[in-house]
Amino acid sequence: MLKASTYINEVIREIKKVTWPSKKQTQDMTLLVIGVSLVVGLYIVLLDFIFQKLMTGIL
């Protein structure tokens, strides 16, 4: 079983190896996620509207 201090030192060593994204990359990816979410949301709303009209017409 590892000591707590050994574990923490290993975690710190691994975190230093991480390549963190730049501020610009973070902003770009955030905008991409928001954009894709909006497109998918609109697609779902459109399908829901179409199916609702079809079901109303059938019933």
Protein backbone atom coordinates (compact mmCIF):
# COMPACT_ATOMS: atom_id res chain seq x y z
CA MET A 1 0.00 0.00 0.00
CA LEU A 2 1.37 3.42 -0.98
CA LYS A 3 1.90 6.13 1.54
CA ALA A 4 -0.22 9.22 1.07
CA SER A 5 2.87 11.39 0.45
CA THR A 6 4.14 9.01 -2.24
CA TYR A 7 0.74 9.02 -3.93
CA ILE A 8 0.53 12.82 -3.88
CA ASN A 9 4.05 13.15 -5.28
CA GLU A 10 3.19 10.78 -8.13
CA VAL A 11 0.00 12.72 -8.88
CA ILE A 12 1.94 16.00 -9.01
CA ARG A 13 4.54 14.42 -11.31
CA GLU A 14 1.80 13.19 -13.68
CA ILE A 15 -0.04 16.53 -13.68
CA LYS A 16 3.17 18.27 -14.78
CA LYS A 17 3.21 16.01 -17.88
CA VAL A 18 -0.25 17.17 -18.99
CA THR A 19 -0.39 19.48 -21.99
CA TRP A 20 -3.04 22.03 -21.08
CA PRO A 21 -4.97 23.77 -23.88
CA SER A 22 -4.38 27.45 -24.50
CA LYS A 23 -7.03 30.05 -23.71
CA LYS A 24 -7.79 30.38 -27.45
CA GLN A 25 -8.19 26.59 -27.86
CA THR A 26 -10.50 26.47 -24.83
CA GLN A 27 -12.65 29.30 -26.21
CA ASP A 28 -12.78 27.70 -29.67
CA MET A 29 -13.80 24.31 -28.33
CA THR A 30 -16.40 25.89 -26.03
CA LEU A 31 -17.96 27.75 -28.95
CA LEU A 32 -17.91 24.55 -31.02
CA VAL A 33 -19.72 22.61 -28.28
CA ILE A 34 -22.32 25.38 -27.90
CA GLY A 35 -22.83 25.54 -31.68
CA VAL A 36 -23.19 21.78 -32.11
CA SER A 37 -25.56 21.64 -29.12
CA LEU A 38 -27.76 24.33 -30.67
CA VAL A 39 -27.83 22.57 -34.05
CA VAL A 40 -28.72 19.22 -32.47
CA GLY A 41 -31.35 20.89 -30.28
CA LEU A 42 -32.96 22.56 -33.30
CA TYR A 43 -32.90 19.24 -35.18
CA ILE A 44 -34.69 17.51 -32.31
CA VAL A 45 -37.27 20.32 -32.06
CA LEU A 46 -37.89 20.06 -35.81
CA LEU A 47 -38.34 16.27 -35.66
CA ASP A 48 -40.66 16.63 -32.66
CA PHE A 49 -42.77 19.18 -34.54
CA ILE A 50 -42.96 16.95 -37.63
CA PHE A 51 -43.93 13.84 -35.65
CA GLN A 52 -46.47 15.82 -33.64
CA LYS A 53 -48.15 17.01 -36.86
CA LEU A 54 -48.08 13.46 -38.28
CA MET A 55 -49.66 12.00 -35.15
CA THR A 56 -52.30 14.74 -35.06
CA GLY A 57 -53.13 13.96 -38.68
CA ILE A 58 -53.35 10.22 -38.03
CA LEU A 59 -55.48 10.51 -34.92
